[in-house]
Amino acid sequence: MSVLFTPSIQDFYYDLEIVLLEKGYFGYKETADKYVADLFYDIETNLPTLRHKPAPKYYDKYGKNMCYAAFIKNRRTTWYAFFSKHEKDGKIIYLVRYIGNNHTEAHHLYEGF
């Protein structure tokens, strides 16, 4: 099993630290950097073992048969990794295509409830 990130997710990784600092969620570059590194490490390490759900149709714009898994970082923020699952040469590959959090994605995830 392996977890891979699309180029847009790799860009997101580098941009997220800046956004977190600019919006005042963190006061120090080192703290924001550690938060982002820990988030991506968590996704890369734990995505294959976590329970995942089919993503709503809204996320079809990122790929077919999308699923998502939740990563709780603190009592106010849950991150969601949206991914597609592939098999190549008998190996399962999780391709992360989009990442969002409860502050930006909740209204899409809970439509119809």
PDB file of N, CA and C in Angstrom:
ATOM      1  N   MET A   1       0.846  -1.188   0.000  1.00  0.00           N
ATOM      2  CA  MET A   1       0.000   0.000   0.000  1.00  0.00           C
ATOM      3  C   MET A   1       0.887   1.245   0.000  1.00  0.00           C
ATOM      4  N   SER A   2       0.409   2.238  -0.711  1.00  0.00           N
ATOM      5  CA  SER A   2       1.112   3.512  -0.661  1.00  0.00           C
ATOM      6  C   SER A   2       0.108   4.655  -0.797  1.00  0.00           C
ATOM      7  N   VAL A   3       0.499   5.788  -0.262  1.00  0.00           N
ATOM      8  CA  VAL A   3      -0.306   7.004  -0.345  1.00  0.00           C
ATOM      9  C   VAL A   3       0.496   8.014  -1.148  1.00  0.00           C
ATOM     10  N   LEU A   4      -0.113   8.499  -2.215  1.00  0.00           N
ATOM     11  CA  LEU A   4       0.520   9.496  -3.073  1.00  0.00           C
ATOM     12  C   LEU A   4      -0.327  10.754  -3.093  1.00  0.00           C
ATOM     13  N   PHE A   5       0.314  11.876  -3.379  1.00  0.00           N
ATOM     14  CA  PHE A   5      -0.358  13.165  -3.441  1.00  0.00           C
ATOM     15  C   PHE A   5      -0.219  13.743  -4.847  1.00  0.00           C
ATOM     16  N   THR A   6      -1.301  14.295  -5.378  1.00  0.00           N
ATOM     17  CA  THR A   6      -1.223  14.955  -6.679  1.00  0.00           C
ATOM     18  C   THR A   6      -0.351  16.204  -6.562  1.00  0.00           C
ATOM     19  N   PRO A   7       0.138  16.724  -7.681  1.00  0.00           N
ATOM     20  CA  PRO A   7       0.934  17.962  -7.628  1.00  0.00           C
ATOM     21  C   PRO A   7       0.195  19.124  -6.965  1.00  0.00           C
ATOM     22  N   SER A   8      -1.123  19.229  -7.171  1.00  0.00           N
ATOM     23  CA  SER A   8      -1.863  20.329  -6.536  1.00  0.00           C
ATOM     24  C   SER A   8      -1.872  20.178  -5.013  1.00  0.00           C
ATOM     25  N   ILE A   9      -1.871  18.952  -4.522  1.00  0.00           N
ATOM     26  CA  ILE A   9      -1.816  18.730  -3.075  1.00  0.00           C
ATOM     27  C   ILE A   9      -0.421  19.058  -2.547  1.00  0.00           C
ATOM     28  N   GLN A  10       0.585  18.775  -3.327  1.00  0.00           N
ATOM     29  CA  GLN A  10       1.947  19.141  -2.922  1.00  0.00           C
ATOM     30  C   GLN A  10       2.079  20.657  -2.826  1.00  0.00           C
ATOM     31  N   ASP A  11       1.458  21.378  -3.750  1.00  0.00           N
ATOM     32  CA  ASP A  11       1.445  22.845  -3.677  1.00  0.00           C
ATOM     33  C   ASP A  11       0.681  23.310  -2.440  1.00  0.00           C
ATOM     34  N   PHE A  12      -0.453  22.668  -2.175  1.00  0.00           N
ATOM     35  CA  PHE A  12      -1.268  22.991  -1.005  1.00  0.00           C
ATOM     36  C   PHE A  12      -0.444  22.859   0.272  1.00  0.00           C
ATOM     37  N   TYR A  13       0.390  21.835   0.343  1.00  0.00           N
ATOM     38  CA  TYR A  13       1.250  21.604   1.505  1.00  0.00           C
ATOM     39  C   TYR A  13       2.076  22.858   1.802  1.00  0.00           C
ATOM     40  N   TYR A  14       2.704  23.399   0.784  1.00  0.00           N
ATOM     41  CA  TYR A  14       3.570  24.565   0.985  1.00  0.00           C
ATOM     42  C   TYR A  14       2.776  25.845   1.253  1.00  0.00           C
ATOM     43  N   ASP A  15       1.606  25.952   0.657  1.00  0.00           N
ATOM     44  CA  ASP A  15       0.785  27.145   0.851  1.00  0.00           C
ATOM     45  C   ASP A  15       0.075  27.167   2.206  1.00  0.00           C
ATOM     46  N   LEU A  16      -0.243  26.000   2.740  1.00  0.00           N
ATOM     47  CA  LEU A  16      -1.022  25.936   3.972  1.00  0.00           C
ATOM     48  C   LEU A  16      -0.310  26.613   5.135  1.00  0.00           C
ATOM     49  N   GLU A  17       0.978  26.421   5.251  1.00  0.00           N
ATOM     50  CA  GLU A  17       1.724  27.064   6.337  1.00  0.00           C
ATOM     51  C   GLU A  17       1.575  28.578   6.270  1.00  0.00           C
ATOM     52  N   ILE A  18       1.671  29.137   5.089  1.00  0.00           N
ATOM     53  CA  ILE A  18       1.544  30.582   4.904  1.00  0.00           C
ATOM     54  C   ILE A  18       0.153  31.053   5.281  1.00  0.00           C
ATOM     55  N   VAL A  19      -0.864  30.338   4.836  1.00  0.00           N
ATOM     56  CA  VAL A  19      -2.258  30.696   5.149  1.00  0.00           C
ATOM     57  C   VAL A  19      -2.487  30.660   6.659  1.00  0.00           C
ATOM     58  N   LEU A  20      -2.001  29.631   7.317  1.00  0.00           N
ATOM     59  CA  LEU A  20      -2.191  29.507   8.767  1.00  0.00           C
ATOM     60  C   LEU A  20      -1.524  30.653   9.517  1.00  0.00           C
ATOM     61  N   LEU A  21      -0.380  31.083   9.034  1.00  0.00           N
ATOM     62  CA  LEU A  21       0.311  32.220   9.661  1.00  0.00           C
ATOM     63  C   LEU A  21      -0.421  33.534   9.376  1.00  0.00           C
ATOM     64  N   GLU A  22      -0.793  33.750   8.125  1.00  0.00           N
ATOM     65  CA  GLU A  22      -1.459  35.001   7.745  1.00  0.00           C
ATOM     66  C   GLU A  22      -2.802  35.181   8.435  1.00  0.00           C
ATOM     67  N   LYS A  23      -3.523  34.091   8.644  1.00  0.00           N
ATOM     68  CA  LYS A  23      -4.838  34.183   9.290  1.00  0.00           C
ATOM     69  C   LYS A  23      -4.726  34.182  10.821  1.00  0.00           C
ATOM     70  N   GLY A  24      -3.517  34.076  11.335  1.00  0.00           N
ATOM     71  CA  GLY A  24      -3.299  34.170  12.767  1.00  0.00           C
ATOM     72  C   GLY A  24      -3.569  32.900  13.564  1.00  0.00           C
ATOM     73  N   TYR A  25      -3.667  31.765  12.880  1.00  0.00           N
ATOM     74  CA  TYR A  25      -3.881  30.514  13.613  1.00  0.00           C
ATOM     75  C   TYR A  25      -2.624  30.093  14.356  1.00  0.00           C
ATOM     76  N   PHE A  26      -1.477  30.516  13.826  1.00  0.00           N
ATOM     77  CA  PHE A  26      -0.193  30.259  14.478  1.00  0.00           C
ATOM     78  C   PHE A  26       0.612  31.538  14.456  1.00  0.00           C
ATOM     79  N   GLY A  27       1.387  31.732  15.496  1.00  0.00           N
ATOM     80  CA  GLY A  27       2.194  32.939  15.594  1.00  0.00           C
ATOM     81  C   GLY A  27       3.616  32.763  15.129  1.00  0.00           C
ATOM     82  N   TYR A  28       4.060  31.520  15.009  1.00  0.00           N
ATOM     83  CA  TYR A  28       5.444  31.248  14.637  1.00  0.00           C
ATOM     84  C   TYR A  28       5.500  30.299  13.453  1.00  0.00           C
ATOM     85  N   LYS A  29       6.422  30.586  12.543  1.00  0.00           N
ATOM     86  CA  LYS A  29       6.597  29.764  11.346  1.00  0.00           C
ATOM     87  C   LYS A  29       6.876  28.305  11.719  1.00  0.00           C
ATOM     88  N   GLU A  30       7.697  28.094  12.723  1.00  0.00           N
ATOM     89  CA  GLU A  30       8.065  26.732  13.119  1.00  0.00           C
ATOM     90  C   GLU A  30       6.850  25.933  13.593  1.00  0.00           C
ATOM     91  N   THR A  31       5.945  26.580  14.312  1.00  0.00           N
ATOM     92  CA  THR A  31       4.754  25.906  14.825  1.00  0.00           C
ATOM     93  C   THR A  31       3.804  25.553  13.675  1.00  0.00           C
ATOM     94  N   ALA A  32       3.617  26.490  12.756  1.00  0.00           N
ATOM     95  CA  ALA A  32       2.757  26.227  11.587  1.00  0.00           C
ATOM     96  C   ALA A  32       3.370  25.128  10.727  1.00  0.00           C
ATOM     97  N   ASP A  33       4.668  25.161  10.547  1.00  0.00           N
ATOM     98  CA  ASP A  33       5.353  24.142   9.755  1.00  0.00           C
ATOM     99  C   ASP A  33       5.173  22.756  10.370  1.00  0.00           C
ATOM    100  N   LYS A  34       5.301  22.659  11.673  1.00  0.00           N
ATOM    101  CA  LYS A  34       5.136  21.377  12.357  1.00  0.00           C
ATOM    102  C   LYS A  34       3.694  20.873  12.228  1.00  0.00           C
ATOM    103  N   TYR A  35       2.733  21.761  12.371  1.00  0.00           N
ATOM    104  CA  TYR A  35       1.317  21.394  12.238  1.00  0.00           C
ATOM    105  C   TYR A  35       1.052  20.796  10.853  1.00  0.00           C
ATOM    106  N   VAL A  36       1.530  21.476   9.817  1.00  0.00           N
ATOM    107  CA  VAL A  36       1.312  21.015   8.448  1.00  0.00           C
ATOM    108  C   VAL A  36       2.044  19.698   8.203  1.00  0.00           C
ATOM    109  N   ALA A  37       3.280  19.604   8.653  1.00  0.00           N
ATOM    110  CA  ALA A  37       4.051  18.369   8.481  1.00  0.00           C
ATOM    111  C   ALA A  37       3.368  17.208   9.196  1.00  0.00           C
ATOM    112  N   ASP A  38       2.864  17.452  10.403  1.00  0.00           N
ATOM    113  CA  ASP A  38       2.159  16.401  11.163  1.00  0.00           C
ATOM    114  C   ASP A  38       0.870  15.976  10.460  1.00  0.00           C
ATOM    115  N   LEU A  39       0.139  16.935   9.896  1.00  0.00           N
ATOM    116  CA  LEU A  39      -1.091  16.616   9.175  1.00  0.00           C
ATOM    117  C   LEU A  39      -0.794  15.697   7.992  1.00  0.00           C
ATOM    118  N   PHE A  40       0.193  16.065   7.196  1.00  0.00           N
ATOM    119  CA  PHE A  40       0.515  15.261   6.021  1.00  0.00           C
ATOM    120  C   PHE A  40       1.115  13.916   6.400  1.00  0.00           C
ATOM    121  N   TYR A  41       1.888  13.874   7.450  1.00  0.00           N
ATOM    122  CA  TYR A  41       2.414  12.592   7.932  1.00  0.00           C
ATOM    123  C   TYR A  41       1.268  11.682   8.377  1.00  0.00           C
ATOM    124  N   ASP A  42       0.303  12.260   9.077  1.00  0.00           N
ATOM    125  CA  ASP A  42      -0.868  11.508   9.528  1.00  0.00           C
ATOM    126  C   ASP A  42      -1.633  10.937   8.327  1.00  0.00           C
ATOM    127  N   ILE A  43      -1.838  11.750   7.319  1.00  0.00           N
ATOM    128  CA  ILE A  43      -2.543  11.286   6.120  1.00  0.00           C
ATOM    129  C   ILE A  43      -1.739  10.174   5.444  1.00  0.00           C
ATOM    130  N   GLU A  44      -0.475  10.412   5.244  1.00  0.00           N
ATOM    131  CA  GLU A  44       0.362   9.435   4.542  1.00  0.00           C
ATOM    132  C   GLU A  44       0.475   8.113   5.296  1.00  0.00           C
ATOM    133  N   THR A  45       0.520   8.189   6.603  1.00  0.00           N
ATOM    134  CA  THR A  45       0.713   6.999   7.426  1.00  0.00           C
ATOM    135  C   THR A  45      -0.589   6.260   7.712  1.00  0.00           C
ATOM    136  N   ASN A  46      -1.660   6.995   7.978  1.00  0.00           N
ATOM    137  CA  ASN A  46      -2.879   6.371   8.492  1.00  0.00           C
ATOM    138  C   ASN A  46      -4.034   6.237   7.506  1.00  0.00           C
ATOM    139  N   LEU A  47      -3.969   6.903   6.365  1.00  0.00           N
ATOM    140  CA  LEU A  47      -5.091   6.845   5.430  1.00  0.00           C
ATOM    141  C   LEU A  47      -5.514   5.406   5.089  1.00  0.00           C
ATOM    142  N   PRO A  48      -4.580   4.509   4.790  1.00  0.00           N
ATOM    143  CA  PRO A  48      -5.013   3.146   4.438  1.00  0.00           C
ATOM    144  C   PRO A  48      -5.732   2.388   5.556  1.00  0.00           C
ATOM    145  N   THR A  49      -5.520   2.791   6.789  1.00  0.00           N
ATOM    146  CA  THR A  49      -6.114   2.054   7.910  1.00  0.00           C
ATOM    147  C   THR A  49      -7.396   2.674   8.439  1.00  0.00           C
ATOM    148  N   LEU A  50      -7.676   3.905   8.028  1.00  0.00           N
ATOM    149  CA  LEU A  50      -8.856   4.596   8.534  1.00  0.00           C
ATOM    150  C   LEU A  50     -10.113   4.198   7.772  1.00  0.00           C
ATOM    151  N   ARG A  51     -11.214   4.283   8.479  1.00  0.00           N
ATOM    152  CA  ARG A  51     -12.506   4.079   7.844  1.00  0.00           C
ATOM    153  C   ARG A  51     -12.758   5.247   6.891  1.00  0.00           C
ATOM    154  N   HIS A  52     -13.235   4.930   5.710  1.00  0.00           N
ATOM    155  CA  HIS A  52     -13.521   6.006   4.767  1.00  0.00           C
ATOM    156  C   HIS A  52     -14.919   5.835   4.195  1.00  0.00           C
ATOM    157  N   LYS A  53     -15.409   6.961   3.675  1.00  0.00           N
ATOM    158  CA  LYS A  53     -16.770   7.010   3.141  1.00  0.00           C
ATOM    159  C   LYS A  53     -16.721   7.491   1.694  1.00  0.00           C
ATOM    160  N   PRO A  54     -17.739   7.134   0.911  1.00  0.00           N
ATOM    161  CA  PRO A  54     -17.828   7.705  -0.439  1.00  0.00           C
ATOM    162  C   PRO A  54     -18.051   9.209  -0.352  1.00  0.00           C
ATOM    163  N   ALA A  55     -17.344   9.943  -1.174  1.00  0.00           N
ATOM    164  CA  ALA A  55     -17.496  11.400  -1.186  1.00  0.00           C
ATOM    165  C   ALA A  55     -18.779  11.775  -1.924  1.00  0.00           C
ATOM    166  N   PRO A  56     -19.444  12.845  -1.492  1.00  0.00           N
ATOM    167  CA  PRO A  56     -20.628  13.332  -2.216  1.00  0.00           C
ATOM    168  C   PRO A  56     -20.266  13.691  -3.664  1.00  0.00           C
ATOM    169  N   LYS A  57     -21.272  13.745  -4.508  1.00  0.00           N
ATOM    170  CA  LYS A  57     -21.091  14.046  -5.936  1.00  0.00           C
ATOM    171  C   LYS A  57     -20.326  15.345  -6.180  1.00  0.00           C
ATOM    172  N   TYR A  58     -20.428  16.288  -5.269  1.00  0.00           N
ATOM    173  CA  TYR A  58     -19.718  17.557  -5.394  1.00  0.00           C
ATOM    174  C   TYR A  58     -18.229  17.336  -5.681  1.00  0.00           C
ATOM    175  N   TYR A  59     -17.658  16.294  -5.126  1.00  0.00           N
ATOM    176  CA  TYR A  59     -16.222  16.041  -5.239  1.00  0.00           C
ATOM    177  C   TYR A  59     -15.833  15.264  -6.486  1.00  0.00           C
ATOM    178  N   ASP A  60     -16.800  14.959  -7.343  1.00  0.00           N
ATOM    179  CA  ASP A  60     -16.495  14.289  -8.607  1.00  0.00           C
ATOM    180  C   ASP A  60     -15.572  15.135  -9.485  1.00  0.00           C
ATOM    181  N   LYS A  61     -15.556  16.426  -9.245  1.00  0.00           N
ATOM    182  CA  LYS A  61     -14.686  17.296 -10.048  1.00  0.00           C
ATOM    183  C   LYS A  61     -13.206  16.995  -9.813  1.00  0.00           C
ATOM    184  N   TYR A  62     -12.884  16.275  -8.736  1.00  0.00           N
ATOM    185  CA  TYR A  62     -11.498  15.902  -8.446  1.00  0.00           C
ATOM    186  C   TYR A  62     -11.150  14.511  -8.966  1.00  0.00           C
ATOM    187  N   GLY A  63     -12.163  13.723  -9.320  1.00  0.00           N
ATOM    188  CA  GLY A  63     -11.911  12.387  -9.830  1.00  0.00           C
ATOM    189  C   GLY A  63     -13.124  11.493  -9.640  1.00  0.00           C
ATOM    190  N   LYS A  64     -13.073  10.342 -10.264  1.00  0.00           N
ATOM    191  CA  LYS A  64     -14.176   9.388 -10.167  1.00  0.00           C
ATOM    192  C   LYS A  64     -14.034   8.538  -8.909  1.00  0.00           C
ATOM    193  N   ASN A  65     -15.188   8.127  -8.402  1.00  0.00           N
ATOM    194  CA  ASN A  65     -15.230   7.213  -7.243  1.00  0.00           C
ATOM    195  C   ASN A  65     -14.407   7.720  -6.059  1.00  0.00           C
ATOM    196  N   MET A  66     -14.567   8.999  -5.761  1.00  0.00           N
ATOM    197  CA  MET A  66     -13.814   9.600  -4.658  1.00  0.00           C
ATOM    198  C   MET A  66     -14.353   9.122  -3.314  1.00  0.00           C
ATOM    199  N   CYS A  67     -13.434   8.990  -2.371  1.00  0.00           N
ATOM    200  CA  CYS A  67     -13.760   8.682  -0.976  1.00  0.00           C
ATOM    201  C   CYS A  67     -13.098   9.740  -0.117  1.00  0.00           C
ATOM    202  N   TYR A  68     -13.445   9.738   1.151  1.00  0.00           N
ATOM    203  CA  TYR A  68     -12.754  10.650   2.066  1.00  0.00           C
ATOM    204  C   TYR A  68     -12.608  10.008   3.436  1.00  0.00           C
ATOM    205  N   ALA A  69     -11.608  10.490   4.157  1.00  0.00           N
ATOM    206  CA  ALA A  69     -11.354  10.061   5.532  1.00  0.00           C
ATOM    207  C   ALA A  69     -11.092  11.306   6.366  1.00  0.00           C
ATOM    208  N   ALA A  70     -11.440  11.219   7.648  1.00  0.00           N
ATOM    209  CA  ALA A  70     -11.307  12.368   8.554  1.00  0.00           C
ATOM    210  C   ALA A  70     -10.062  12.241   9.422  1.00  0.00           C
ATOM    211  N   PHE A  71      -9.428  13.383   9.667  1.00  0.00           N
ATOM    212  CA  PHE A  71      -8.243  13.477  10.517  1.00  0.00           C
ATOM    213  C   PHE A  71      -8.486  14.588  11.523  1.00  0.00           C
ATOM    214  N   ILE A  72      -8.757  14.222  12.750  1.00  0.00           N
ATOM    215  CA  ILE A  72      -9.072  15.199  13.794  1.00  0.00           C
ATOM    216  C   ILE A  72      -7.767  15.732  14.368  1.00  0.00           C
ATOM    217  N   LYS A  73      -7.595  17.038  14.273  1.00  0.00           N
ATOM    218  CA  LYS A  73      -6.357  17.656  14.744  1.00  0.00           C
ATOM    219  C   LYS A  73      -6.528  18.362  16.090  1.00  0.00           C
ATOM    220  N   ASN A  74      -7.705  18.871  16.355  1.00  0.00           N
ATOM    221  CA  ASN A  74      -7.999  19.461  17.657  1.00  0.00           C
ATOM    222  C   ASN A  74      -9.510  19.515  17.797  1.00  0.00           C
ATOM    223  N   ARG A  75      -9.994  20.079  18.882  1.00  0.00           N
ATOM    224  CA  ARG A  75     -11.444  20.031  19.119  1.00  0.00           C
ATOM    225  C   ARG A  75     -12.246  20.899  18.155  1.00  0.00           C
ATOM    226  N   ARG A  76     -11.581  21.779  17.427  1.00  0.00           N
ATOM    227  CA  ARG A  76     -12.295  22.650  16.488  1.00  0.00           C
ATOM    228  C   ARG A  76     -12.060  22.312  15.022  1.00  0.00           C
ATOM    229  N   THR A  77     -11.011  21.558  14.728  1.00  0.00           N
ATOM    230  CA  THR A  77     -10.661  21.350  13.326  1.00  0.00           C
ATOM    231  C   THR A  77     -10.470  19.874  12.989  1.00  0.00           C
ATOM    232  N   THR A  78     -11.217  19.461  12.005  1.00  0.00           N
ATOM    233  CA  THR A  78     -11.065  18.138  11.408  1.00  0.00           C
ATOM    234  C   THR A  78     -10.708  18.342   9.942  1.00  0.00           C
ATOM    235  N   TRP A  79      -9.665  17.689   9.512  1.00  0.00           N
ATOM    236  CA  TRP A  79      -9.247  17.740   8.118  1.00  0.00           C
ATOM    237  C   TRP A  79      -9.794  16.522   7.397  1.00  0.00           C
ATOM    238  N   TYR A  80     -10.102  16.697   6.120  1.00  0.00           N
ATOM    239  CA  TYR A  80     -10.616  15.618   5.293  1.00  0.00           C
ATOM    240  C   TYR A  80      -9.695  15.425   4.097  1.00  0.00           C
ATOM    241  N   ALA A  81      -9.258  14.201   3.890  1.00  0.00           N
ATOM    242  CA  ALA A  81      -8.464  13.855   2.713  1.00  0.00           C
ATOM    243  C   ALA A  81      -9.398  13.146   1.733  1.00  0.00           C
ATOM    244  N   PHE A  82      -9.514  13.690   0.540  1.00  0.00           N
ATOM    245  CA  PHE A  82     -10.351  13.119  -0.511  1.00  0.00           C
ATOM    246  C   PHE A  82      -9.421  12.397  -1.481  1.00  0.00           C
ATOM    247  N   PHE A  83      -9.748  11.160  -1.766  1.00  0.00           N
ATOM    248  CA  PHE A  83      -8.811  10.331  -2.521  1.00  0.00           C
ATOM    249  C   PHE A  83      -9.532   9.330  -3.408  1.00  0.00           C
ATOM    250  N   SER A  84      -8.786   8.815  -4.352  1.00  0.00           N
ATOM    251  CA  SER A  84      -9.258   7.690  -5.152  1.00  0.00           C
ATOM    252  C   SER A  84      -8.313   6.521  -4.865  1.00  0.00           C
ATOM    253  N   LYS A  85      -8.848   5.353  -4.996  1.00  0.00           N
ATOM    254  CA  LYS A  85      -8.110   4.134  -4.666  1.00  0.00           C
ATOM    255  C   LYS A  85      -7.881   3.363  -5.961  1.00  0.00           C
ATOM    256  N   HIS A  86      -6.645   2.951  -6.188  1.00  0.00           N
ATOM    257  CA  HIS A  86      -6.282   2.255  -7.415  1.00  0.00           C
ATOM    258  C   HIS A  86      -5.482   1.002  -7.065  1.00  0.00           C
ATOM    259  N   GLU A  87      -5.455   0.089  -7.999  1.00  0.00           N
ATOM    260  CA  GLU A  87      -4.613  -1.097  -7.822  1.00  0.00           C
ATOM    261  C   GLU A  87      -3.693  -1.203  -9.026  1.00  0.00           C
ATOM    262  N   LYS A  88      -2.415  -1.380  -8.753  1.00  0.00           N
ATOM    263  CA  LYS A  88      -1.430  -1.533  -9.816  1.00  0.00           C
ATOM    264  C   LYS A  88      -0.446  -2.614  -9.405  1.00  0.00           C
ATOM    265  N   ASP A  89      -0.329  -3.605 -10.240  1.00  0.00           N
ATOM    266  CA  ASP A  89       0.582  -4.726  -9.983  1.00  0.00           C
ATOM    267  C   ASP A  89       0.320  -5.362  -8.621  1.00  0.00           C
ATOM    268  N   GLY A  90      -0.966  -5.464  -8.251  1.00  0.00           N
ATOM    269  CA  GLY A  90      -1.340  -6.083  -6.994  1.00  0.00           C
ATOM    270  C   GLY A  90      -1.130  -5.200  -5.774  1.00  0.00           C
ATOM    271  N   LYS A  91      -0.734  -3.969  -5.995  1.00  0.00           N
ATOM    272  CA  LYS A  91      -0.478  -3.030  -4.905  1.00  0.00           C
ATOM    273  C   LYS A  91      -1.580  -1.974  -4.873  1.00  0.00           C
ATOM    274  N   ILE A  92      -2.117  -1.669  -3.698  1.00  0.00           N
ATOM    275  CA  ILE A  92      -3.156  -0.646  -3.564  1.00  0.00           C
ATOM    276  C   ILE A  92      -2.501   0.722  -3.397  1.00  0.00           C
ATOM    277  N   ILE A  93      -2.985   1.673  -4.190  1.00  0.00           N
ATOM    278  CA  ILE A  93      -2.468   3.040  -4.156  1.00  0.00           C
ATOM    279  C   ILE A  93      -3.622   3.979  -3.809  1.00  0.00           C
ATOM    280  N   TYR A  94      -3.405   4.810  -2.819  1.00  0.00           N
ATOM    281  CA  TYR A  94      -4.356   5.845  -2.427  1.00  0.00           C
ATOM    282  C   TYR A  94      -3.814   7.159  -2.993  1.00  0.00           C
ATOM    283  N   LEU A  95      -4.568   7.763  -3.898  1.00  0.00           N
ATOM    284  CA  LEU A  95      -4.139   9.009  -4.513  1.00  0.00           C
ATOM    285  C   LEU A  95      -4.962  10.154  -3.928  1.00  0.00           C
ATOM    286  N   VAL A  96      -4.324  10.962  -3.096  1.00  0.00           N
ATOM    287  CA  VAL A  96      -4.993  12.096  -2.451  1.00  0.00           C
ATOM    288  C   VAL A  96      -5.079  13.221  -3.473  1.00  0.00           C
ATOM    289  N   ARG A  97      -6.329  13.651  -3.733  1.00  0.00           N
ATOM    290  CA  ARG A  97      -6.585  14.636  -4.771  1.00  0.00           C
ATOM    291  C   ARG A  97      -7.054  15.986  -4.231  1.00  0.00           C
ATOM    292  N   TYR A  98      -7.510  15.991  -2.980  1.00  0.00           N
ATOM    293  CA  TYR A  98      -8.013  17.239  -2.401  1.00  0.00           C
ATOM    294  C   TYR A  98      -7.978  17.109  -0.880  1.00  0.00           C
ATOM    295  N   ILE A  99      -7.696  18.204  -0.216  1.00  0.00           N
ATOM    296  CA  ILE A  99      -7.723  18.248   1.254  1.00  0.00           C
ATOM    297  C   ILE A  99      -8.481  19.499   1.660  1.00  0.00           C
ATOM    298  N   GLY A 100      -9.387  19.349   2.614  1.00  0.00           N
ATOM    299  CA  GLY A 100     -10.135  20.482   3.151  1.00  0.00           C
ATOM    300  C   GLY A 100     -10.407  20.221   4.619  1.00  0.00           C
ATOM    301  N   ASN A 101     -10.999  21.187   5.282  1.00  0.00           N
ATOM    302  CA  ASN A 101     -11.326  20.978   6.703  1.00  0.00           C
ATOM    303  C   ASN A 101     -12.800  21.271   6.960  1.00  0.00           C
ATOM    304  N   ASN A 102     -13.219  21.039   8.176  1.00  0.00           N
ATOM    305  CA  ASN A 102     -14.633  21.200   8.515  1.00  0.00           C
ATOM    306  C   ASN A 102     -15.112  22.637   8.321  1.00  0.00           C
ATOM    307  N   HIS A 103     -14.220  23.603   8.380  1.00  0.00           N
ATOM    308  CA  HIS A 103     -14.606  24.996   8.209  1.00  0.00           C
ATOM    309  C   HIS A 103     -14.973  25.307   6.757  1.00  0.00           C
ATOM    310  N   THR A 104     -14.405  24.546   5.817  1.00  0.00           N
ATOM    311  CA  THR A 104     -14.661  24.816   4.400  1.00  0.00           C
ATOM    312  C   THR A 104     -15.494  23.732   3.715  1.00  0.00           C
ATOM    313  N   GLU A 105     -15.546  22.546   4.272  1.00  0.00           N
ATOM    314  CA  GLU A 105     -16.175  21.421   3.575  1.00  0.00           C
ATOM    315  C   GLU A 105     -17.460  20.899   4.208  1.00  0.00           C
ATOM    316  N   ALA A 106     -17.753  21.263   5.421  1.00  0.00           N
ATOM    317  CA  ALA A 106     -18.884  20.670   6.139  1.00  0.00           C
ATOM    318  C   ALA A 106     -20.201  20.791   5.373  1.00  0.00           C
ATOM    319  N   HIS A 107     -20.443  21.933   4.756  1.00  0.00           N
ATOM    320  CA  HIS A 107     -21.716  22.114   4.046  1.00  0.00           C
ATOM    321  C   HIS A 107     -21.838  21.178   2.843  1.00  0.00           C
ATOM    322  N   HIS A 108     -20.731  20.747   2.265  1.00  0.00           N
ATOM    323  CA  HIS A 108     -20.781  19.782   1.158  1.00  0.00           C
ATOM    324  C   HIS A 108     -20.950  18.344   1.668  1.00  0.00           C
ATOM    325  N   LEU A 109     -20.330  18.057   2.791  1.00  0.00           N
ATOM    326  CA  LEU A 109     -20.349  16.699   3.320  1.00  0.00           C
ATOM    327  C   LEU A 109     -21.692  16.334   3.935  1.00  0.00           C
ATOM    328  N   TYR A 110     -22.405  17.340   4.434  1.00  0.00           N
ATOM    329  CA  TYR A 110     -23.651  17.058   5.147  1.00  0.00           C
ATOM    330  C   TYR A 110     -24.888  17.509   4.380  1.00  0.00           C
ATOM    331  N   GLU A 111     -24.756  17.682   3.070  1.00  0.00           N
ATOM    332  CA  GLU A 111     -25.916  18.034   2.264  1.00  0.00           C
ATOM    333  C   GLU A 111     -26.915  16.875   2.330  1.00  0.00           C
ATOM    334  N   GLY A 112     -28.138  17.194   2.467  1.00  0.00           N
ATOM    335  CA  GLY A 112     -29.176  16.160   2.495  1.00  0.00           C
ATOM    336  C   GLY A 112     -29.464  15.597   3.871  1.00  0.00           C
ATOM    337  N   PHE A 113     -28.706  16.018   4.874  1.00  0.00           N
ATOM    338  CA  PHE A 113     -28.973  15.533   6.234  1.00  0.00           C
ATOM    339  C   PHE A 113     -29.960  16.443   6.930  1.00  0.00           C
TER     340      PHE A 113
END
